[in-house]
Amino acid sequence: MDEIGELPKPVQVKLLRALQEGEIVRVGDSAPRKVDVRIIAATNRSLTKEVAVGNFREDLFFRLAVAILKLPPIRERSGDLSLLIDRLMSRINSEAAKDGKPFNKKISASAKNIMLEHVWPGNVRELQNTLYRATVSSDEEAISAATMKDSILDLGPAEGQHDTILDRPIEEGVDLQGLIAEVARHYLSRALSAAHGNKAQATRILGLPNYQTLTNWMKRYGISN
């Protein structure tokens, strides 16, 4: 069940009753029937906070919260981003191939660097839809940096949203290594762009001790040139 935190109160009552009684009444039926199911639910909300403010039933929450997996947003697991991009691009190509179309789009190194630099506030859905837009917009086999820039929708920070890396909430903990990686990728990409791919010049821009250090950092944070 996706986005279970969005369930209206009347539907929460019905789901709770089904879990407690192990039976449901189908539309059009007059008698209940037994069901034996396991519920796997996902939400982008904090259900504990939703319970506290009365938006989600406490009894239903404890019925569902047997094993809880917390998946951090993309911005906090920077090491996964490059793999996610490759996987989603492969899926897009495969789906197009099923329609009988010869399709093998690729992402240029400069376009991928732009994606690695973006924060992705919409997480995987935003990432996937951006790749779809870039794929449709690109006339070339390799998606260019210009096409990728046009495909990323910059909505700006929402009201009350922390939009600087130095001012993010820490009440529920922070991924310090992920934040460091985010900053490193941002400035590595900018320096390489400003130097037009010249690594020696990018090394000087970043104040790194030598060319090898730049190469090591690029490898560590998945930056290609």
C-alpha atoms as a PDB file:
ATOM      1  CA  MET A   1       0.000   0.000   0.000  1.00  0.00           C
ATOM      2  CA  ASP A   2       1.714   3.175  -1.188  1.00  0.00           C
ATOM      3  CA  GLU A   3       1.370   6.498   0.656  1.00  0.00           C
ATOM      4  CA  ILE A   4      -0.621   4.981   3.496  1.00  0.00           C
ATOM      5  CA  GLY A   5      -0.235   8.226   5.409  1.00  0.00           C
ATOM      6  CA  GLU A   6      -2.722   9.807   2.993  1.00  0.00           C
ATOM      7  CA  LEU A   7      -5.593   7.448   3.926  1.00  0.00           C
ATOM      8  CA  PRO A   8      -8.762   9.332   5.005  1.00  0.00           C
ATOM      9  CA  LYS A   9     -10.000   8.559   8.513  1.00  0.00           C
ATOM     10  CA  PRO A  10     -13.019   6.468   7.352  1.00  0.00           C
ATOM     11  CA  VAL A  11     -10.752   4.244   5.252  1.00  0.00           C
ATOM     12  CA  GLN A  12      -8.348   3.882   8.187  1.00  0.00           C
ATOM     13  CA  VAL A  13     -11.227   2.506  10.238  1.00  0.00           C
ATOM     14  CA  LYS A  14     -12.083  -0.061   7.554  1.00  0.00           C
ATOM     15  CA  LEU A  15      -8.466  -1.164   7.192  1.00  0.00           C
ATOM     16  CA  LEU A  16      -8.075  -1.519  10.949  1.00  0.00           C
ATOM     17  CA  ARG A  17     -11.230  -3.635  11.151  1.00  0.00           C
ATOM     18  CA  ALA A  18      -9.975  -5.882   8.336  1.00  0.00           C
ATOM     19  CA  LEU A  19      -6.658  -6.413  10.112  1.00  0.00           C
ATOM     20  CA  GLN A  20      -8.253  -7.045  13.487  1.00  0.00           C
ATOM     21  CA  GLU A  21     -11.023  -9.356  12.309  1.00  0.00           C
ATOM     22  CA  GLY A  22      -9.179 -10.980   9.420  1.00  0.00           C
ATOM     23  CA  GLU A  23     -12.205 -10.542   7.187  1.00  0.00           C
ATOM     24  CA  ILE A  24     -13.728  -8.101   4.710  1.00  0.00           C
ATOM     25  CA  VAL A  25     -17.078  -7.499   3.035  1.00  0.00           C
ATOM     26  CA  ARG A  26     -16.637  -7.012  -0.704  1.00  0.00           C
ATOM     27  CA  VAL A  27     -18.717  -4.460  -2.574  1.00  0.00           C
ATOM     28  CA  GLY A  28     -22.045  -6.111  -3.480  1.00  0.00           C
ATOM     29  CA  ASP A  29     -21.649  -8.927  -0.928  1.00  0.00           C
ATOM     30  CA  SER A  30     -23.811  -9.322   2.140  1.00  0.00           C
ATOM     31  CA  ALA A  31     -21.572 -11.679   4.109  1.00  0.00           C
ATOM     32  CA  PRO A  32     -17.956 -11.218   5.195  1.00  0.00           C
ATOM     33  CA  ARG A  33     -15.184 -13.411   3.834  1.00  0.00           C
ATOM     34  CA  LYS A  34     -11.946 -14.394   5.521  1.00  0.00           C
ATOM     35  CA  VAL A  35      -8.680 -12.950   4.242  1.00  0.00           C
ATOM     36  CA  ASP A  36      -5.107 -13.894   5.080  1.00  0.00           C
ATOM     37  CA  VAL A  37      -2.793 -11.074   3.997  1.00  0.00           C
ATOM     38  CA  ARG A  38       0.455  -9.413   4.931  1.00  0.00           C
ATOM     39  CA  ILE A  39       0.515  -5.628   4.645  1.00  0.00           C
ATOM     40  CA  ILE A  40       3.560  -3.861   3.250  1.00  0.00           C
ATOM     41  CA  ALA A  41       3.010  -0.106   3.416  1.00  0.00           C
ATOM     42  CA  ALA A  42       5.028   2.948   2.418  1.00  0.00           C
ATOM     43  CA  THR A  43       4.718   6.634   3.222  1.00  0.00           C
ATOM     44  CA  ASN A  44       6.743   9.801   2.903  1.00  0.00           C
ATOM     45  CA  ARG A  45       5.237  11.139   6.112  1.00  0.00           C
ATOM     46  CA  SER A  46       6.341  10.612   9.708  1.00  0.00           C
ATOM     47  CA  LEU A  47       3.428   8.527  10.963  1.00  0.00           C
ATOM     48  CA  THR A  48       4.444   9.081  14.583  1.00  0.00           C
ATOM     49  CA  LYS A  49       3.979  12.817  14.035  1.00  0.00           C
ATOM     50  CA  GLU A  50       0.711  12.197  12.170  1.00  0.00           C
ATOM     51  CA  VAL A  51      -0.533  10.150  15.144  1.00  0.00           C
ATOM     52  CA  ALA A  52       0.496  12.913  17.558  1.00  0.00           C
ATOM     53  CA  VAL A  53      -1.565  15.536  15.702  1.00  0.00           C
ATOM     54  CA  GLY A  54      -4.523  13.204  15.198  1.00  0.00           C
ATOM     55  CA  ASN A  55      -4.264  12.650  11.451  1.00  0.00           C
ATOM     56  CA  PHE A  56      -3.517   8.924  11.690  1.00  0.00           C
ATOM     57  CA  ARG A  57      -5.107   6.408  14.037  1.00  0.00           C
ATOM     58  CA  GLU A  58      -2.777   5.234  16.788  1.00  0.00           C
ATOM     59  CA  ASP A  59      -4.287   1.740  16.898  1.00  0.00           C
ATOM     60  CA  LEU A  60      -3.824   1.319  13.135  1.00  0.00           C
ATOM     61  CA  PHE A  61      -0.251   2.577  13.356  1.00  0.00           C
ATOM     62  CA  PHE A  62       0.686  -0.058  15.940  1.00  0.00           C
ATOM     63  CA  ARG A  63      -1.039  -2.729  13.866  1.00  0.00           C
ATOM     64  CA  LEU A  64       1.127  -1.803  10.872  1.00  0.00           C
ATOM     65  CA  ALA A  65       4.405  -0.912  12.603  1.00  0.00           C
ATOM     66  CA  VAL A  66       5.781  -4.416  13.086  1.00  0.00           C
ATOM     67  CA  ALA A  67       9.021  -4.024  11.121  1.00  0.00           C
ATOM     68  CA  ILE A  68       9.980  -0.482  10.119  1.00  0.00           C
ATOM     69  CA  LEU A  69      12.503   0.375   7.410  1.00  0.00           C
ATOM     70  CA  LYS A  70      13.573   4.006   7.074  1.00  0.00           C
ATOM     71  CA  LEU A  71      14.927   4.869   3.629  1.00  0.00           C
ATOM     72  CA  PRO A  72      16.807   8.188   3.593  1.00  0.00           C
ATOM     73  CA  PRO A  73      16.186  10.625   0.714  1.00  0.00           C
ATOM     74  CA  ILE A  74      18.564  10.606  -2.243  1.00  0.00           C
ATOM     75  CA  ARG A  75      20.432  13.664  -0.957  1.00  0.00           C
ATOM     76  CA  GLU A  76      21.496  11.655   2.094  1.00  0.00           C
ATOM     77  CA  ARG A  77      22.772   8.595   0.200  1.00  0.00           C
ATOM     78  CA  SER A  78      24.943  10.132  -2.437  1.00  0.00           C
ATOM     79  CA  GLY A  79      26.713   6.877  -3.213  1.00  0.00           C
ATOM     80  CA  ASP A  80      23.474   5.430  -4.609  1.00  0.00           C
ATOM     81  CA  LEU A  81      22.682   8.249  -7.036  1.00  0.00           C
ATOM     82  CA  SER A  82      24.904   7.226  -9.944  1.00  0.00           C
ATOM     83  CA  LEU A  83      23.632   3.636  -9.728  1.00  0.00           C
ATOM     84  CA  LEU A  84      20.013   4.831  -9.613  1.00  0.00           C
ATOM     85  CA  ILE A  85      20.547   6.975 -12.712  1.00  0.00           C
ATOM     86  CA  ASP A  86      22.018   4.035 -14.636  1.00  0.00           C
ATOM     87  CA  ARG A  87      19.253   1.688 -13.506  1.00  0.00           C
ATOM     88  CA  LEU A  88      16.420   4.072 -14.379  1.00  0.00           C
ATOM     89  CA  MET A  89      17.964   4.882 -17.770  1.00  0.00           C
ATOM     90  CA  SER A  90      18.197   1.172 -18.509  1.00  0.00           C
ATOM     91  CA  ARG A  91      14.531   0.747 -17.554  1.00  0.00           C
ATOM     92  CA  ILE A  92      13.465   3.596 -19.842  1.00  0.00           C
ATOM     93  CA  ASN A  93      15.340   2.029 -22.754  1.00  0.00           C
ATOM     94  CA  SER A  94      13.813  -1.391 -22.022  1.00  0.00           C
ATOM     95  CA  GLU A  95      10.267   0.000 -21.886  1.00  0.00           C
ATOM     96  CA  ALA A  96      10.742   1.755 -25.210  1.00  0.00           C
ATOM     97  CA  ALA A  97      12.128  -1.430 -26.750  1.00  0.00           C
ATOM     98  CA  LYS A  98       8.959  -3.310 -25.734  1.00  0.00           C
ATOM     99  CA  ASP A  99       7.004  -0.964 -27.996  1.00  0.00           C
ATOM    100  CA  GLY A 100       9.113  -2.116 -30.918  1.00  0.00           C
ATOM    101  CA  LYS A 101      11.154   1.065 -31.126  1.00  0.00           C
ATOM    102  CA  PRO A 102      14.946   0.960 -31.535  1.00  0.00           C
ATOM    103  CA  PHE A 103      15.940   2.879 -28.451  1.00  0.00           C
ATOM    104  CA  ASN A 104      19.243   3.180 -26.642  1.00  0.00           C
ATOM    105  CA  LYS A 105      19.594   6.600 -25.073  1.00  0.00           C
ATOM    106  CA  LYS A 106      22.685   7.364 -23.040  1.00  0.00           C
ATOM    107  CA  ILE A 107      23.650  10.107 -20.619  1.00  0.00           C
ATOM    108  CA  SER A 108      26.735  12.132 -21.448  1.00  0.00           C
ATOM    109  CA  ALA A 109      29.339  12.578 -18.720  1.00  0.00           C
ATOM    110  CA  SER A 110      28.576  16.297 -18.433  1.00  0.00           C
ATOM    111  CA  ALA A 111      24.826  15.630 -18.134  1.00  0.00           C
ATOM    112  CA  LYS A 112      25.419  13.049 -15.431  1.00  0.00           C
ATOM    113  CA  ASN A 113      27.578  15.486 -13.489  1.00  0.00           C
ATOM    114  CA  ILE A 114      24.668  17.936 -13.488  1.00  0.00           C
ATOM    115  CA  MET A 115      22.405  15.208 -12.102  1.00  0.00           C
ATOM    116  CA  LEU A 116      24.935  14.313  -9.410  1.00  0.00           C
ATOM    117  CA  GLU A 117      25.020  17.959  -8.348  1.00  0.00           C
ATOM    118  CA  HIS A 118      21.222  18.333  -8.064  1.00  0.00           C
ATOM    119  CA  VAL A 119      19.650  17.823  -4.609  1.00  0.00           C
ATOM    120  CA  TRP A 120      16.514  15.958  -5.874  1.00  0.00           C
ATOM    121  CA  PRO A 121      13.886  17.180  -3.401  1.00  0.00           C
ATOM    122  CA  GLY A 122      11.341  14.949  -5.176  1.00  0.00           C
ATOM    123  CA  ASN A 123      13.564  11.897  -4.675  1.00  0.00           C
ATOM    124  CA  VAL A 124      13.283   8.904  -7.038  1.00  0.00           C
ATOM    125  CA  ARG A 125      10.055  10.085  -8.690  1.00  0.00           C
ATOM    126  CA  GLU A 126      11.660  13.401  -9.631  1.00  0.00           C
ATOM    127  CA  LEU A 127      14.790  11.601 -10.826  1.00  0.00           C
ATOM    128  CA  GLN A 128      12.813   9.207 -13.023  1.00  0.00           C
ATOM    129  CA  ASN A 129      10.574  11.890 -14.532  1.00  0.00           C
ATOM    130  CA  THR A 130      13.581  14.109 -15.239  1.00  0.00           C
ATOM    131  CA  LEU A 131      15.181  11.262 -17.175  1.00  0.00           C
ATOM    132  CA  TYR A 132      11.931  10.770 -19.119  1.00  0.00           C
ATOM    133  CA  ARG A 133      11.827  14.470 -20.014  1.00  0.00           C
ATOM    134  CA  ALA A 134      15.477  14.480 -21.059  1.00  0.00           C
ATOM    135  CA  THR A 135      15.000  11.348 -23.140  1.00  0.00           C
ATOM    136  CA  VAL A 136      12.009  12.769 -25.004  1.00  0.00           C
ATOM    137  CA  SER A 137      13.694  16.153 -25.505  1.00  0.00           C
ATOM    138  CA  SER A 138      16.995  14.822 -26.807  1.00  0.00           C
ATOM    139  CA  ASP A 139      17.408  14.328 -30.546  1.00  0.00           C
ATOM    140  CA  GLU A 140      20.845  12.810 -30.016  1.00  0.00           C
ATOM    141  CA  GLU A 141      21.669   9.353 -28.694  1.00  0.00           C
ATOM    142  CA  ALA A 142      23.614  10.872 -25.805  1.00  0.00           C
ATOM    143  CA  ILE A 143      21.670  13.320 -23.646  1.00  0.00           C
ATOM    144  CA  SER A 144      23.635  16.562 -23.440  1.00  0.00           C
ATOM    145  CA  ALA A 145      24.275  18.797 -20.449  1.00  0.00           C
ATOM    146  CA  ALA A 146      22.076  21.533 -21.966  1.00  0.00           C
ATOM    147  CA  THR A 147      19.152  19.117 -22.376  1.00  0.00           C
ATOM    148  CA  MET A 148      19.577  17.877 -18.819  1.00  0.00           C
ATOM    149  CA  LYS A 149      19.604  21.422 -17.419  1.00  0.00           C
ATOM    150  CA  ASP A 150      16.337  22.150 -19.241  1.00  0.00           C
ATOM    151  CA  SER A 151      14.811  18.887 -17.994  1.00  0.00           C
ATOM    152  CA  ILE A 152      15.431  19.512 -14.295  1.00  0.00           C
ATOM    153  CA  LEU A 153      12.519  21.516 -12.895  1.00  0.00           C
ATOM    154  CA  ASP A 154      13.660  24.038 -10.312  1.00  0.00           C
ATOM    155  CA  LEU A 155      10.633  24.714  -8.142  1.00  0.00           C
ATOM    156  CA  GLY A 156      12.618  26.653  -5.550  1.00  0.00           C
ATOM    157  CA  PRO A 157      12.401  25.971  -1.810  1.00  0.00           C
ATOM    158  CA  ALA A 158       8.950  25.403  -0.394  1.00  0.00           C
ATOM    159  CA  GLU A 159       7.711  27.680   2.371  1.00  0.00           C
ATOM    160  CA  GLY A 160       9.600  26.903   5.543  1.00  0.00           C
ATOM    161  CA  GLN A 161      11.940  24.505   3.770  1.00  0.00           C
ATOM    162  CA  HIS A 162      15.625  24.560   4.703  1.00  0.00           C
ATOM    163  CA  ASP A 163      17.363  25.272   1.426  1.00  0.00           C
ATOM    164  CA  THR A 164      20.989  25.602   2.531  1.00  0.00           C
ATOM    165  CA  ILE A 165      23.266  22.775   3.471  1.00  0.00           C
ATOM    166  CA  LEU A 166      24.271  24.602   6.668  1.00  0.00           C
ATOM    167  CA  ASP A 167      20.709  25.036   7.931  1.00  0.00           C
ATOM    168  CA  ARG A 168      19.104  21.613   7.680  1.00  0.00           C
ATOM    169  CA  PRO A 169      17.121  20.195  10.631  1.00  0.00           C
ATOM    170  CA  ILE A 170      19.107  17.911  12.924  1.00  0.00           C
ATOM    171  CA  GLU A 171      16.385  16.815  15.338  1.00  0.00           C
ATOM    172  CA  GLU A 172      16.170  13.373  13.720  1.00  0.00           C
ATOM    173  CA  GLY A 173      19.884  13.161  12.931  1.00  0.00           C
ATOM    174  CA  VAL A 174      21.958  14.042   9.882  1.00  0.00           C
ATOM    175  CA  ASP A 175      24.072  12.086   7.446  1.00  0.00           C
ATOM    176  CA  LEU A 176      27.318  14.043   7.778  1.00  0.00           C
ATOM    177  CA  GLN A 177      29.185  11.928   5.232  1.00  0.00           C
ATOM    178  CA  GLY A 178      26.349  12.401   2.751  1.00  0.00           C
ATOM    179  CA  LEU A 179      26.425  16.176   3.253  1.00  0.00           C
ATOM    180  CA  ILE A 180      30.187  16.264   2.752  1.00  0.00           C
ATOM    181  CA  ALA A 181      29.784  14.203  -0.427  1.00  0.00           C
ATOM    182  CA  GLU A 182      27.069  16.581  -1.666  1.00  0.00           C
ATOM    183  CA  VAL A 183      29.351  19.599  -1.198  1.00  0.00           C
ATOM    184  CA  ALA A 184      32.308  17.806  -2.794  1.00  0.00           C
ATOM    185  CA  ARG A 185      30.320  16.774  -5.887  1.00  0.00           C
ATOM    186  CA  HIS A 186      28.907  20.282  -6.239  1.00  0.00           C
ATOM    187  CA  TYR A 187      32.274  22.021  -6.276  1.00  0.00           C
ATOM    188  CA  LEU A 188      34.092  19.321  -8.216  1.00  0.00           C
ATOM    189  CA  SER A 189      31.510  19.605 -10.989  1.00  0.00           C
ATOM    190  CA  ARG A 190      31.618  23.410 -10.968  1.00  0.00           C
ATOM    191  CA  ALA A 191      35.404  23.510 -11.057  1.00  0.00           C
ATOM    192  CA  LEU A 192      35.596  21.052 -13.958  1.00  0.00           C
ATOM    193  CA  SER A 193      32.949  23.017 -15.827  1.00  0.00           C
ATOM    194  CA  ALA A 194      34.748  26.329 -15.231  1.00  0.00           C
ATOM    195  CA  ALA A 195      38.017  24.732 -16.368  1.00  0.00           C
ATOM    196  CA  HIS A 196      36.325  23.237 -19.453  1.00  0.00           C
ATOM    197  CA  GLY A 197      37.434  19.768 -18.354  1.00  0.00           C
ATOM    198  CA  ASN A 198      41.076  20.754 -17.760  1.00  0.00           C
ATOM    199  CA  LYS A 199      41.945  18.820 -14.604  1.00  0.00           C
ATOM    200  CA  ALA A 200      45.131  20.770 -13.889  1.00  0.00           C
ATOM    201  CA  GLN A 201      43.184  24.031 -13.904  1.00  0.00           C
ATOM    202  CA  ALA A 202      40.348  22.498 -11.853  1.00  0.00           C
ATOM    203  CA  THR A 203      42.948  21.383  -9.303  1.00  0.00           C
ATOM    204  CA  ARG A 204      44.119  24.980  -8.899  1.00  0.00           C
ATOM    205  CA  ILE A 205      40.546  26.317  -8.661  1.00  0.00           C
ATOM    206  CA  LEU A 206      39.755  23.906  -5.834  1.00  0.00           C
ATOM    207  CA  GLY A 207      43.028  24.528  -4.002  1.00  0.00           C
ATOM    208  CA  LEU A 208      43.926  20.837  -4.031  1.00  0.00           C
ATOM    209  CA  PRO A 209      47.594  19.922  -3.581  1.00  0.00           C
ATOM    210  CA  ASN A 210      48.003  18.051  -6.858  1.00  0.00           C
ATOM    211  CA  TYR A 211      46.358  16.521  -9.918  1.00  0.00           C
ATOM    212  CA  GLN A 212      46.258  13.037  -8.346  1.00  0.00           C
ATOM    213  CA  THR A 213      44.235  14.320  -5.404  1.00  0.00           C
ATOM    214  CA  LEU A 214      41.612  15.694  -7.818  1.00  0.00           C
ATOM    215  CA  THR A 215      41.493  12.359  -9.646  1.00  0.00           C
ATOM    216  CA  ASN A 216      41.021  10.499  -6.343  1.00  0.00           C
ATOM    217  CA  TRP A 217      38.208  12.824  -5.286  1.00  0.00           C
ATOM    218  CA  MET A 218      36.465  12.452  -8.629  1.00  0.00           C
ATOM    219  CA  LYS A 219      36.631   8.673  -8.324  1.00  0.00           C
ATOM    220  CA  ARG A 220      35.425   8.742  -4.712  1.00  0.00           C
ATOM    221  CA  TYR A 221      32.367  10.876  -5.479  1.00  0.00           C
ATOM    222  CA  GLY A 222      31.479   9.429  -8.870  1.00  0.00           C
ATOM    223  CA  ILE A 223      32.356  12.461 -10.966  1.00  0.00           C
ATOM    224  CA  SER A 224      33.264  11.732 -14.585  1.00  0.00           C
ATOM    225  CA  ASN A 225      34.923  14.064 -17.049  1.00  0.00           C
END
